[in-house]
């Protein structure tokens, strides 16, 4: 079994109002050194199969559902987990 973490974030140049709101709030809290905040999401999946099959499926999932590739970038990490 493999555990896959998929990271999705807005592409550079795409307006991130949520990130701007968090940055503004951090400045109000005194964290003036924060120059940019980009908000994204992390999804964790557990998938059975070979590493090659899992990687192909995850890429397909990202392209079809998990990320809006018009405005979002994605990357993923695949780690084999041993059942106990």
Foldseek 3Di string as FASTA:
>chain_A
DKKKKKKKWFDPPDDAVVFVVVLVVVVVVPPVVDDTGTDIDIDIDDDDDDPVVVVVVVVVCCPPPDYPVVTMDMDMDMDDDDDD
